[in-house]
Amino acid sequence: QVQLVESGGGLVQPGGSLRLSCAASGTIFSVKSMAWYRQAPGKQRELVATITTIGSTNYADSVKGRFTISRDNAKKTVYLQMNMLKPEDTAVYYCNLPPSYNVVWNWGQGTQVTVSS
């Protein structure tokens, strides 16, 4: 079973930036599309961005133009560069397979992002 470890979160002021990382164990990472999700307090987990094995990307409307998803298959890592952060971006961020796969790996612990002045 693949293990996912997210990191890079923290407290940042509105307008600031953070870069999240998600390291995956196992050998199948490079043949899978990946996704970032987030869950704010009292809300359901939502899809933020996806990236295919060849680097094609898609974003939720709420983050389009501000967030960039990327991957390094050699390092088995997917990244989320977040710029122009807003208070509504505050959430725990997770990575996993995209919804199109209809399955998920075990969820990692996530990484907390708090945007506040």
N, C-alpha and C. Protein backbone atom coordinates (compact mmCIF):
# COMPACT_ATOMS: atom_id res chain seq x y z
N GLN A 1 0.85 -1.19 0.00
CA GLN A 1 0.00 0.00 0.00
C GLN A 1 0.89 1.25 0.00
N VAL A 2 0.51 2.19 -0.82
CA VAL A 2 1.28 3.43 -0.92
C VAL A 2 1.04 4.28 0.32
N GLN A 3 2.10 4.88 0.82
CA GLN A 3 1.98 5.84 1.93
C GLN A 3 2.25 7.23 1.40
N LEU A 4 1.45 8.19 1.87
CA LEU A 4 1.55 9.57 1.44
C LEU A 4 1.91 10.45 2.64
N VAL A 5 2.90 11.31 2.45
CA VAL A 5 3.32 12.20 3.52
C VAL A 5 3.35 13.63 2.98
N GLU A 6 2.43 14.44 3.48
CA GLU A 6 2.34 15.84 3.06
C GLU A 6 3.14 16.73 4.01
N SER A 7 3.69 17.80 3.46
CA SER A 7 4.46 18.74 4.27
C SER A 7 4.46 20.11 3.60
N GLY A 8 4.94 21.11 4.34
CA GLY A 8 5.11 22.44 3.77
C GLY A 8 4.08 23.46 4.20
N GLY A 9 3.08 23.04 4.96
CA GLY A 9 2.07 23.99 5.40
C GLY A 9 2.59 24.94 6.46
N GLY A 10 1.74 25.87 6.85
CA GLY A 10 2.13 26.82 7.88
C GLY A 10 1.17 27.99 7.94
N LEU A 11 1.58 28.99 8.71
CA LEU A 11 0.79 30.22 8.84
C LEU A 11 1.38 31.27 7.91
N VAL A 12 0.53 31.88 7.10
CA VAL A 12 1.00 32.87 6.14
C VAL A 12 -0.03 34.00 6.08
N GLN A 13 0.45 35.20 5.80
CA GLN A 13 -0.45 36.34 5.67
C GLN A 13 -1.16 36.31 4.32
N PRO A 14 -2.31 36.93 4.23
CA PRO A 14 -2.99 37.04 2.92
C PRO A 14 -2.05 37.65 1.89
N GLY A 15 -2.08 37.07 0.71
CA GLY A 15 -1.19 37.50 -0.35
C GLY A 15 0.13 36.77 -0.39
N GLY A 16 0.39 35.97 0.64
CA GLY A 16 1.65 35.24 0.71
C GLY A 16 1.64 33.96 -0.10
N SER A 17 2.74 33.22 0.01
CA SER A 17 2.92 31.99 -0.77
C SER A 17 3.40 30.86 0.12
N LEU A 18 3.06 29.65 -0.30
CA LEU A 18 3.57 28.43 0.32
C LEU A 18 3.75 27.39 -0.77
N ARG A 19 4.66 26.46 -0.53
CA ARG A 19 4.85 25.34 -1.44
C ARG A 19 4.67 24.05 -0.65
N LEU A 20 3.66 23.30 -1.00
CA LEU A 20 3.39 22.03 -0.35
C LEU A 20 4.06 20.89 -1.12
N SER A 21 4.44 19.86 -0.38
CA SER A 21 5.02 18.67 -0.98
C SER A 21 4.26 17.44 -0.51
N CYS A 22 4.21 16.44 -1.35
CA CYS A 22 3.60 15.17 -0.99
C CYS A 22 4.51 14.07 -1.51
N ALA A 23 5.13 13.36 -0.58
CA ALA A 23 6.02 12.27 -0.93
C ALA A 23 5.27 10.95 -0.85
N ALA A 24 5.44 10.13 -1.87
CA ALA A 24 4.74 8.84 -1.93
C ALA A 24 5.73 7.69 -1.93
N SER A 25 5.41 6.66 -1.17
CA SER A 25 6.23 5.45 -1.20
C SER A 25 5.72 4.56 -2.32
N GLY A 26 6.44 3.49 -2.59
CA GLY A 26 5.97 2.56 -3.61
C GLY A 26 6.50 2.89 -5.00
N THR A 27 6.33 1.96 -5.92
CA THR A 27 6.93 2.12 -7.24
C THR A 27 5.94 2.54 -8.31
N ILE A 28 4.67 2.68 -7.96
CA ILE A 28 3.68 2.94 -9.00
C ILE A 28 3.36 4.41 -9.15
N PHE A 29 4.03 5.26 -8.40
CA PHE A 29 3.72 6.69 -8.42
C PHE A 29 3.77 7.26 -9.82
N SER A 30 4.80 6.90 -10.58
CA SER A 30 5.02 7.53 -11.87
C SER A 30 3.95 7.17 -12.89
N VAL A 31 3.18 6.14 -12.65
CA VAL A 31 2.17 5.72 -13.63
C VAL A 31 0.77 6.14 -13.19
N LYS A 32 0.70 7.00 -12.22
CA LYS A 32 -0.59 7.45 -11.71
C LYS A 32 -0.72 8.97 -11.81
N SER A 33 -1.90 9.41 -12.19
CA SER A 33 -2.22 10.82 -12.00
C SER A 33 -2.34 11.07 -10.50
N MET A 34 -2.14 12.32 -10.11
CA MET A 34 -2.21 12.67 -8.70
C MET A 34 -3.06 13.92 -8.51
N ALA A 35 -3.49 14.13 -7.28
CA ALA A 35 -4.35 15.26 -6.99
C ALA A 35 -4.05 15.84 -5.62
N TRP A 36 -4.33 17.11 -5.46
CA TRP A 36 -4.34 17.77 -4.16
C TRP A 36 -5.80 18.05 -3.80
N TYR A 37 -6.11 17.81 -2.53
CA TYR A 37 -7.42 18.10 -1.97
C TYR A 37 -7.22 19.00 -0.75
N ARG A 38 -8.31 19.58 -0.29
CA ARG A 38 -8.24 20.33 0.97
C ARG A 38 -9.57 20.19 1.71
N GLN A 39 -9.47 20.32 3.02
CA GLN A 39 -10.67 20.24 3.85
C GLN A 39 -10.61 21.34 4.90
N ALA A 40 -11.53 22.26 4.80
CA ALA A 40 -11.64 23.34 5.77
C ALA A 40 -12.52 22.89 6.93
N PRO A 41 -12.38 23.51 8.09
CA PRO A 41 -13.19 23.12 9.25
C PRO A 41 -14.68 23.15 8.94
N GLY A 42 -15.36 22.08 9.25
CA GLY A 42 -16.80 22.01 9.04
C GLY A 42 -17.24 21.83 7.61
N LYS A 43 -16.29 21.60 6.72
CA LYS A 43 -16.64 21.44 5.30
C LYS A 43 -16.15 20.09 4.79
N GLN A 44 -16.71 19.68 3.66
CA GLN A 44 -16.27 18.45 3.04
C GLN A 44 -14.93 18.65 2.33
N ARG A 45 -14.22 17.57 2.17
CA ARG A 45 -12.97 17.62 1.42
C ARG A 45 -13.29 17.97 -0.03
N GLU A 46 -12.48 18.87 -0.60
CA GLU A 46 -12.70 19.28 -1.98
C GLU A 46 -11.45 19.12 -2.82
N LEU A 47 -11.65 18.89 -4.09
CA LEU A 47 -10.55 18.74 -5.02
C LEU A 47 -9.98 20.11 -5.37
N VAL A 48 -8.67 20.23 -5.33
CA VAL A 48 -8.01 21.50 -5.62
C VAL A 48 -7.35 21.48 -6.99
N ALA A 49 -6.59 20.43 -7.28
CA ALA A 49 -5.85 20.37 -8.53
C ALA A 49 -5.49 18.93 -8.84
N THR A 50 -5.33 18.65 -10.14
CA THR A 50 -4.89 17.32 -10.57
C THR A 50 -3.76 17.45 -11.59
N ILE A 51 -2.95 16.41 -11.68
CA ILE A 51 -1.88 16.37 -12.66
C ILE A 51 -1.77 14.95 -13.18
N THR A 52 -1.68 14.81 -14.52
CA THR A 52 -1.55 13.48 -15.11
C THR A 52 -0.10 13.04 -15.11
N THR A 53 0.12 11.82 -15.60
CA THR A 53 1.49 11.29 -15.64
C THR A 53 2.38 12.09 -16.58
N ILE A 54 1.77 12.76 -17.57
CA ILE A 54 2.58 13.53 -18.52
C ILE A 54 2.52 15.03 -18.23
N GLY A 55 1.94 15.39 -17.07
CA GLY A 55 2.00 16.78 -16.64
C GLY A 55 0.84 17.66 -17.02
N SER A 56 -0.22 17.11 -17.57
CA SER A 56 -1.41 17.92 -17.83
C SER A 56 -2.11 18.23 -16.52
N THR A 57 -2.57 19.45 -16.37
CA THR A 57 -3.11 19.90 -15.09
C THR A 57 -4.52 20.45 -15.20
N ASN A 58 -5.22 20.37 -14.10
CA ASN A 58 -6.53 20.99 -13.97
C ASN A 58 -6.67 21.56 -12.57
N TYR A 59 -7.46 22.63 -12.46
CA TYR A 59 -7.59 23.32 -11.19
C TYR A 59 -9.05 23.64 -10.88
N ALA A 60 -9.36 23.67 -9.60
CA ALA A 60 -10.64 24.21 -9.18
C ALA A 60 -10.69 25.69 -9.53
N ASP A 61 -11.88 26.16 -9.85
CA ASP A 61 -12.02 27.57 -10.23
C ASP A 61 -11.51 28.51 -9.14
N SER A 62 -11.67 28.10 -7.90
CA SER A 62 -11.31 28.97 -6.78
C SER A 62 -9.80 29.20 -6.65
N VAL A 63 -8.99 28.34 -7.29
CA VAL A 63 -7.54 28.48 -7.16
C VAL A 63 -6.85 28.73 -8.50
N LYS A 64 -7.62 28.70 -9.57
CA LYS A 64 -7.05 28.86 -10.90
C LYS A 64 -6.31 30.20 -11.01
N GLY A 65 -5.10 30.15 -11.54
CA GLY A 65 -4.30 31.37 -11.68
C GLY A 65 -3.46 31.70 -10.46
N ARG A 66 -3.72 31.00 -9.34
CA ARG A 66 -2.95 31.25 -8.12
C ARG A 66 -2.13 30.03 -7.69
N PHE A 67 -2.64 28.85 -7.93
CA PHE A 67 -1.97 27.62 -7.52
C PHE A 67 -1.40 26.91 -8.75
N THR A 68 -0.28 26.19 -8.54
CA THR A 68 0.33 25.39 -9.60
C THR A 68 0.71 24.03 -9.04
N ILE A 69 0.20 22.99 -9.68
CA ILE A 69 0.55 21.62 -9.30
C ILE A 69 1.66 21.12 -10.22
N SER A 70 2.60 20.39 -9.66
CA SER A 70 3.69 19.83 -10.45
C SER A 70 4.12 18.51 -9.81
N ARG A 71 4.97 17.77 -10.49
CA ARG A 71 5.41 16.49 -9.97
C ARG A 71 6.84 16.21 -10.38
N ASP A 72 7.51 15.41 -9.57
CA ASP A 72 8.85 14.93 -9.86
C ASP A 72 8.79 13.42 -9.68
N ASN A 73 8.69 12.69 -10.78
CA ASN A 73 8.51 11.24 -10.68
C ASN A 73 9.75 10.55 -10.09
N ALA A 74 10.90 11.09 -10.35
CA ALA A 74 12.13 10.49 -9.80
C ALA A 74 12.12 10.55 -8.27
N LYS A 75 11.55 11.62 -7.75
CA LYS A 75 11.48 11.79 -6.29
C LYS A 75 10.15 11.28 -5.72
N LYS A 76 9.26 10.81 -6.59
CA LYS A 76 7.94 10.33 -6.17
C LYS A 76 7.24 11.39 -5.34
N THR A 77 7.28 12.60 -5.83
CA THR A 77 6.74 13.73 -5.08
C THR A 77 5.87 14.59 -5.98
N VAL A 78 4.76 15.06 -5.43
CA VAL A 78 3.91 16.03 -6.11
C VAL A 78 3.89 17.30 -5.28
N TYR A 79 3.88 18.43 -5.95
CA TYR A 79 3.98 19.72 -5.28
C TYR A 79 2.73 20.57 -5.55
N LEU A 80 2.50 21.51 -4.67
CA LEU A 80 1.46 22.51 -4.90
C LEU A 80 2.03 23.87 -4.51
N GLN A 81 2.32 24.67 -5.51
CA GLN A 81 2.78 26.04 -5.27
C GLN A 81 1.55 26.92 -5.14
N MET A 82 1.43 27.58 -4.02
CA MET A 82 0.26 28.40 -3.74
C MET A 82 0.68 29.85 -3.59
N ASN A 83 0.20 30.70 -4.46
CA ASN A 83 0.50 32.13 -4.44
C ASN A 83 -0.77 32.91 -4.19
N MET A 84 -0.59 34.17 -3.82
CA MET A 84 -1.73 35.07 -3.58
C MET A 84 -2.76 34.41 -2.68
N LEU A 85 -2.30 33.84 -1.59
CA LEU A 85 -3.18 33.10 -0.70
C LEU A 85 -4.22 34.01 -0.06
N LYS A 86 -5.39 33.43 0.15
CA LYS A 86 -6.53 34.14 0.74
C LYS A 86 -6.97 33.41 2.01
N PRO A 87 -7.62 34.11 2.91
CA PRO A 87 -8.10 33.44 4.13
C PRO A 87 -8.97 32.22 3.83
N GLU A 88 -9.70 32.24 2.74
CA GLU A 88 -10.56 31.10 2.40
C GLU A 88 -9.77 29.89 1.91
N ASP A 89 -8.47 30.04 1.73
CA ASP A 89 -7.61 28.89 1.40
C ASP A 89 -7.21 28.11 2.65
N THR A 90 -7.56 28.62 3.82
CA THR A 90 -7.23 27.93 5.06
C THR A 90 -7.91 26.57 5.11
N ALA A 91 -7.09 25.54 5.31
CA ALA A 91 -7.59 24.16 5.30
C ALA A 91 -6.43 23.21 5.58
N VAL A 92 -6.78 21.95 5.78
CA VAL A 92 -5.76 20.90 5.78
C VAL A 92 -5.68 20.38 4.34
N TYR A 93 -4.49 20.31 3.81
CA TYR A 93 -4.27 19.90 2.43
C TYR A 93 -3.73 18.48 2.40
N TYR A 94 -4.30 17.70 1.47
CA TYR A 94 -3.93 16.30 1.31
C TYR A 94 -3.65 16.01 -0.17
N CYS A 95 -2.84 14.99 -0.42
CA CYS A 95 -2.69 14.50 -1.78
C CYS A 95 -3.22 13.07 -1.83
N ASN A 96 -3.61 12.66 -3.03
CA ASN A 96 -4.09 11.30 -3.25
C ASN A 96 -4.35 11.13 -4.73
N LEU A 97 -4.92 9.99 -5.09
CA LEU A 97 -5.32 9.77 -6.47
C LEU A 97 -6.49 10.69 -6.81
N PRO A 98 -6.65 11.05 -8.05
CA PRO A 98 -7.78 11.91 -8.43
C PRO A 98 -9.09 11.14 -8.42
N PRO A 99 -10.22 11.83 -8.35
CA PRO A 99 -11.53 11.17 -8.27
C PRO A 99 -11.82 10.25 -9.44
N SER A 100 -11.22 10.51 -10.58
CA SER A 100 -11.49 9.70 -11.77
C SER A 100 -11.09 8.24 -11.59
N TYR A 101 -10.21 7.97 -10.63
CA TYR A 101 -9.77 6.59 -10.41
C TYR A 101 -10.78 5.80 -9.59
N ASN A 102 -11.69 6.47 -8.92
CA ASN A 102 -12.71 5.83 -8.07
C ASN A 102 -12.15 5.02 -6.92
N VAL A 103 -10.89 5.14 -6.67
CA VAL A 103 -10.26 4.55 -5.49
C VAL A 103 -9.29 5.56 -4.93
N VAL A 104 -8.96 5.41 -3.66
CA VAL A 104 -7.95 6.25 -3.05
C VAL A 104 -6.97 5.38 -2.28
N TRP A 105 -5.77 5.89 -2.16
CA TRP A 105 -4.82 5.29 -1.24
C TRP A 105 -5.17 5.75 0.17
N ASN A 106 -4.55 5.13 1.15
CA ASN A 106 -4.77 5.60 2.53
C ASN A 106 -4.38 7.07 2.62
N TRP A 107 -5.24 7.86 3.24
CA TRP A 107 -4.96 9.29 3.37
C TRP A 107 -3.79 9.52 4.33
N GLY A 108 -2.95 10.48 3.98
CA GLY A 108 -1.89 10.88 4.89
C GLY A 108 -2.44 11.78 5.99
N GLN A 109 -1.54 12.35 6.76
CA GLN A 109 -1.97 13.20 7.87
C GLN A 109 -2.35 14.60 7.41
N GLY A 110 -1.99 14.92 6.18
CA GLY A 110 -2.27 16.26 5.67
C GLY A 110 -1.31 17.29 6.23
N THR A 111 -1.38 18.48 5.68
CA THR A 111 -0.57 19.59 6.16
C THR A 111 -1.47 20.82 6.28
N GLN A 112 -1.40 21.47 7.44
CA GLN A 112 -2.29 22.59 7.75
C GLN A 112 -1.78 23.86 7.09
N VAL A 113 -2.66 24.54 6.38
CA VAL A 113 -2.38 25.85 5.82
C VAL A 113 -3.34 26.84 6.46
N THR A 114 -2.79 27.86 7.07
CA THR A 114 -3.61 28.89 7.70
C THR A 114 -3.21 30.24 7.11
N VAL A 115 -4.20 30.93 6.54
CA VAL A 115 -3.96 32.23 5.94
C VAL A 115 -4.67 33.27 6.80
N SER A 116 -3.89 34.06 7.48
CA SER A 116 -4.46 35.02 8.42
C SER A 116 -3.48 36.15 8.68
N SER A 117 -4.03 37.32 8.91
CA SER A 117 -3.18 38.46 9.27
C SER A 117 -3.08 38.58 10.79
